[in-house]
C-alpha atoms as a PDB file:
ATOM      1  CA  MET A   1       7.709 -35.083  14.970  1.00  0.00           C
ATOM      2  CA  SER A   2       5.560 -33.165  12.926  1.00  0.00           C
ATOM      3  CA  PHE A   3       6.026 -29.004  13.164  1.00  0.00           C
ATOM      4  CA  ARG A   4       3.147 -28.615  13.992  1.00  0.00           C
ATOM      5  CA  GLU A   5       3.800 -31.116  17.574  1.00  0.00           C
ATOM      6  CA  ILE A   6       6.813 -28.310  18.287  1.00  0.00           C
ATOM      7  CA  PRO A   7       5.836 -26.666  21.077  1.00  0.00           C
ATOM      8  CA  VAL A   8       5.677 -22.604  20.191  1.00  0.00           C
ATOM      9  CA  ASN A   9       6.493 -19.843  22.693  1.00  0.00           C
ATOM     10  CA  LYS A  10       6.938 -17.191  21.478  1.00  0.00           C
ATOM     11  CA  PRO A  11       5.966 -14.507  24.215  1.00  0.00           C
ATOM     12  CA  GLU A  12       6.960 -11.804  21.286  1.00  0.00           C
ATOM     13  CA  LEU A  13       3.671 -13.202  19.434  1.00  0.00           C
ATOM     14  CA  GLN A  14       1.714 -13.623  22.001  1.00  0.00           C
ATOM     15  CA  ALA A  15       1.229 -10.452  23.101  1.00  0.00           C
ATOM     16  CA  ILE A  16       0.322  -9.236  19.320  1.00  0.00           C
ATOM     17  CA  TYR A  17      -2.220 -11.441  20.242  1.00  0.00           C
ATOM     18  CA  ARG A  18      -3.241 -10.891  23.810  1.00  0.00           C
ATOM     19  CA  ALA A  19      -3.287  -6.968  22.414  1.00  0.00           C
ATOM     20  CA  HIS A  20      -5.363  -6.289  18.812  1.00  0.00           C
ATOM     21  CA  GLY A  21      -6.822 -10.068  19.049  1.00  0.00           C
ATOM     22  CA  GLU A  22      -7.945 -12.459  16.784  1.00  0.00           C
ATOM     23  CA  THR A  23     -10.437 -10.309  14.592  1.00  0.00           C
ATOM     24  CA  LYS A  24      -8.005  -7.000  14.186  1.00  0.00           C
ATOM     25  CA  ILE A  25      -5.522  -9.607  13.211  1.00  0.00           C
ATOM     26  CA  ARG A  26      -7.341 -11.384  10.483  1.00  0.00           C
ATOM     27  CA  ALA A  27      -8.225  -8.391   9.011  1.00  0.00           C
ATOM     28  CA  VAL A  28      -4.656  -6.805   9.065  1.00  0.00           C
ATOM     29  CA  LEU A  29      -3.975 -10.043   6.702  1.00  0.00           C
ATOM     30  CA  GLN A  30      -6.912  -9.580   4.637  1.00  0.00           C
ATOM     31  CA  LYS A  31      -5.648  -6.283   4.089  1.00  0.00           C
ATOM     32  CA  PHE A  32      -1.991  -7.750   3.730  1.00  0.00           C
ATOM     33  CA  TYR A  33      -3.374  -9.707   0.644  1.00  0.00           C
ATOM     34  CA  ALA A  34      -4.377  -7.829  -1.202  1.00  0.00           C
ATOM     35  CA  ALA A  35      -2.030  -5.538  -0.718  1.00  0.00           C
ATOM     36  CA  MET A  36      -0.188  -8.346  -2.368  1.00  0.00           C
ATOM     37  CA  ALA A  37      -1.591  -8.483  -4.771  1.00  0.00           C
ATOM     38  CA  GLU A  38      -1.991  -5.746  -6.202  1.00  0.00           C
ATOM     39  CA  ASP A  39       1.490  -5.031  -5.818  1.00  0.00           C
ATOM     40  CA  VAL A  40       3.678  -4.619  -9.586  1.00  0.00           C
ATOM     41  CA  LEU A  41       6.454  -6.664  -7.531  1.00  0.00           C
ATOM     42  CA  ILE A  42       4.556  -9.810  -6.436  1.00  0.00           C
ATOM     43  CA  GLY A  43       1.363  -9.211  -7.669  1.00  0.00           C
ATOM     44  CA  PHE A  44       1.485 -11.921  -9.624  1.00  0.00           C
ATOM     45  CA  PHE A  45       1.789 -14.969  -6.918  1.00  0.00           C
ATOM     46  CA  PHE A  46      -1.277 -13.876  -6.608  1.00  0.00           C
ATOM     47  CA  THR A  47      -3.353 -13.715  -9.385  1.00  0.00           C
ATOM     48  CA  GLY A  48      -6.266 -16.155  -9.719  1.00  0.00           C
ATOM     49  CA  LYS A  49      -6.118 -16.743  -6.447  1.00  0.00           C
ATOM     50  CA  ASP A  50      -8.291 -17.197  -3.790  1.00  0.00           C
ATOM     51  CA  LEU A  51      -7.131 -13.707  -1.147  1.00  0.00           C
ATOM     52  CA  HIS A  52      -9.602 -14.379   1.538  1.00  0.00           C
ATOM     53  CA  SER A  53      -9.400 -18.240   1.720  1.00  0.00           C
ATOM     54  CA  ILE A  54      -5.027 -17.476   1.809  1.00  0.00           C
ATOM     55  CA  ALA A  55      -5.511 -15.222   4.513  1.00  0.00           C
ATOM     56  CA  GLU A  56      -7.352 -17.412   6.551  1.00  0.00           C
ATOM     57  CA  ARG A  57      -4.532 -20.086   6.426  1.00  0.00           C
ATOM     58  CA  GLN A  58      -2.178 -17.691   7.488  1.00  0.00           C
ATOM     59  CA  GLY A  59      -4.237 -16.776  10.118  1.00  0.00           C
ATOM     60  CA  ASP A  60      -4.958 -20.792  10.666  1.00  0.00           C
ATOM     61  CA  PHE A  61      -0.768 -20.367  11.286  1.00  0.00           C
ATOM     62  CA  LEU A  62      -0.449 -17.432  13.190  1.00  0.00           C
ATOM     63  CA  MET A  63      -3.139 -18.148  15.338  1.00  0.00           C
ATOM     64  CA  ARG A  64      -1.012 -21.240  15.735  1.00  0.00           C
ATOM     65  CA  ALA A  65       2.426 -19.467  16.805  1.00  0.00           C
ATOM     66  CA  MET A  66       0.583 -16.181  19.018  1.00  0.00           C
ATOM     67  CA  GLY A  67      -0.616 -18.923  21.234  1.00  0.00           C
ATOM     68  CA  ALA A  68      -3.994 -18.489  20.779  1.00  0.00           C
ATOM     69  CA  VAL A  69      -4.845 -22.124  19.728  1.00  0.00           C
ATOM     70  CA  PRO A  70      -2.641 -25.403  19.853  1.00  0.00           C
ATOM     71  CA  SER A  71      -2.735 -27.054  16.812  1.00  0.00           C
ATOM     72  CA  TYR A  72      -2.060 -26.537  12.832  1.00  0.00           C
ATOM     73  CA  SER A  73      -3.679 -28.665  10.471  1.00  0.00           C
ATOM     74  CA  GLY A  74      -3.174 -26.547   7.753  1.00  0.00           C
ATOM     75  CA  LYS A  75       0.711 -27.658   5.451  1.00  0.00           C
ATOM     76  CA  ALA A  76       4.074 -26.296   6.299  1.00  0.00           C
ATOM     77  CA  PRO A  77       5.390 -23.078   4.365  1.00  0.00           C
ATOM     78  CA  ALA A  78       7.322 -25.379   2.039  1.00  0.00           C
ATOM     79  CA  ASP A  79       4.537 -27.343   1.178  1.00  0.00           C
ATOM     80  CA  ALA A  80       2.123 -23.840   0.658  1.00  0.00           C
ATOM     81  CA  HIS A  81       4.309 -22.549  -1.554  1.00  0.00           C
ATOM     82  CA  THR A  82       5.724 -25.032  -4.440  1.00  0.00           C
ATOM     83  CA  GLU A  83       3.085 -25.418  -6.762  1.00  0.00           C
ATOM     84  CA  LEU A  84       4.171 -21.014  -7.524  1.00  0.00           C
ATOM     85  CA  ALA A  85       6.526 -20.070 -10.299  1.00  0.00           C
ATOM     86  CA  PRO A  86       9.823 -19.787  -7.694  1.00  0.00           C
ATOM     87  CA  ILE A  87       9.657 -17.126  -4.821  1.00  0.00           C
ATOM     88  CA  LEU A  88      13.662 -15.726  -5.001  1.00  0.00           C
ATOM     89  CA  SER A  89      14.238 -13.611  -2.263  1.00  0.00           C
ATOM     90  CA  GLY A  90      13.912 -10.188  -4.211  1.00  0.00           C
ATOM     91  CA  HIS A  91      10.804 -11.775  -3.828  1.00  0.00           C
ATOM     92  CA  PHE A  92      10.809 -12.811  -0.696  1.00  0.00           C
ATOM     93  CA  ASP A  93      12.268  -9.218   0.807  1.00  0.00           C
ATOM     94  CA  ARG A  94       8.952  -6.963  -0.774  1.00  0.00           C
ATOM     95  CA  ARG A  95       6.899  -9.920   0.737  1.00  0.00           C
ATOM     96  CA  LEU A  96       8.442  -7.880   4.566  1.00  0.00           C
ATOM     97  CA  VAL A  97       8.554  -4.571   3.187  1.00  0.00           C
ATOM     98  CA  VAL A  98       4.720  -4.650   2.566  1.00  0.00           C
ATOM     99  CA  LEU A  99       4.010  -6.258   6.006  1.00  0.00           C
ATOM    100  CA  GLU A 100       5.471  -4.318   7.714  1.00  0.00           C
ATOM    101  CA  ALA A 101       3.388  -1.231   5.734  1.00  0.00           C
ATOM    102  CA  VAL A 102       0.327  -2.976   5.847  1.00  0.00           C
ATOM    103  CA  LEU A 103       1.514  -3.587   9.673  1.00  0.00           C
ATOM    104  CA  LYS A 104       2.805   0.246  10.240  1.00  0.00           C
ATOM    105  CA  ALA A 105      -0.659   1.548   8.900  1.00  0.00           C
ATOM    106  CA  GLU A 106      -2.937  -0.440  10.742  1.00  0.00           C
ATOM    107  CA  GLY A 107      -1.443   1.374  14.412  1.00  0.00           C
ATOM    108  CA  PHE A 108       1.607  -1.757  15.260  1.00  0.00           C
ATOM    109  CA  SER A 109       4.092  -0.504  17.032  1.00  0.00           C
ATOM    110  CA  GLU A 110       7.327  -0.916  16.084  1.00  0.00           C
ATOM    111  CA  ALA A 111       8.122  -3.294  18.246  1.00  0.00           C
ATOM    112  CA  GLU A 112       5.156  -5.277  16.879  1.00  0.00           C
ATOM    113  CA  THR A 113       6.022  -5.429  13.540  1.00  0.00           C
ATOM    114  CA  ARG A 114       9.680  -6.227  14.093  1.00  0.00           C
ATOM    115  CA  ALA A 115       8.688  -9.426  16.053  1.00  0.00           C
ATOM    116  CA  TRP A 116       6.206 -10.851  13.450  1.00  0.00           C
ATOM    117  CA  ILE A 117       8.323  -9.653  10.197  1.00  0.00           C
ATOM    118  CA  GLY A 118      11.142 -11.235  12.359  1.00  0.00           C
ATOM    119  CA  PHE A 119       8.279 -14.703  12.250  1.00  0.00           C
ATOM    120  CA  GLU A 120       8.041 -14.555   8.771  1.00  0.00           C
ATOM    121  CA  ASN A 121      11.546 -14.246   7.699  1.00  0.00           C
ATOM    122  CA  ALA A 122      12.013 -17.282   9.229  1.00  0.00           C
ATOM    123  CA  PHE A 123      10.748 -19.298   6.443  1.00  0.00           C
ATOM    124  CA  ARG A 124      12.774 -17.567   4.352  1.00  0.00           C
ATOM    125  CA  ASP A 125      14.996 -20.190   3.874  1.00  0.00           C
ATOM    126  CA  ALA A 126      12.238 -22.709   3.337  1.00  0.00           C
ATOM    127  CA  ILE A 127      10.236 -20.333   0.618  1.00  0.00           C
ATOM    128  CA  VAL A 128      12.854 -18.979  -1.208  1.00  0.00           C
ATOM    129  CA  VAL A 129      14.789 -21.166  -3.886  1.00  0.00           C
ATOM    130  CA  SER A 130      18.250 -20.387  -3.815  1.00  0.00           C
END
């Protein structure tokens, strides 16, 4: 079974979608990727990359996880990062710090922020190089 076919039952993510909607979530992702690109610790991962497209693909992935769409046709998280420099634990941690700051700035509650970050953190082992 492909990961794309695994049923998603993430009520906390579905609640974020219901509270904020697709337009806001996608706008948050655009801000998030712009903030990461500007970050002194992880910005180099985004040099020369199309941030808008990356954020859109991440949005497609999140829309699936949030129950807004029935399927996702993009790459698995591990496969989407194979052409980058090795992503270390500290890089991944920094990504989550930037995400938290963006979510708070955009008015997401503490519970929503924890749920979103928890979802992102679930992919740590697939992305981080040991």
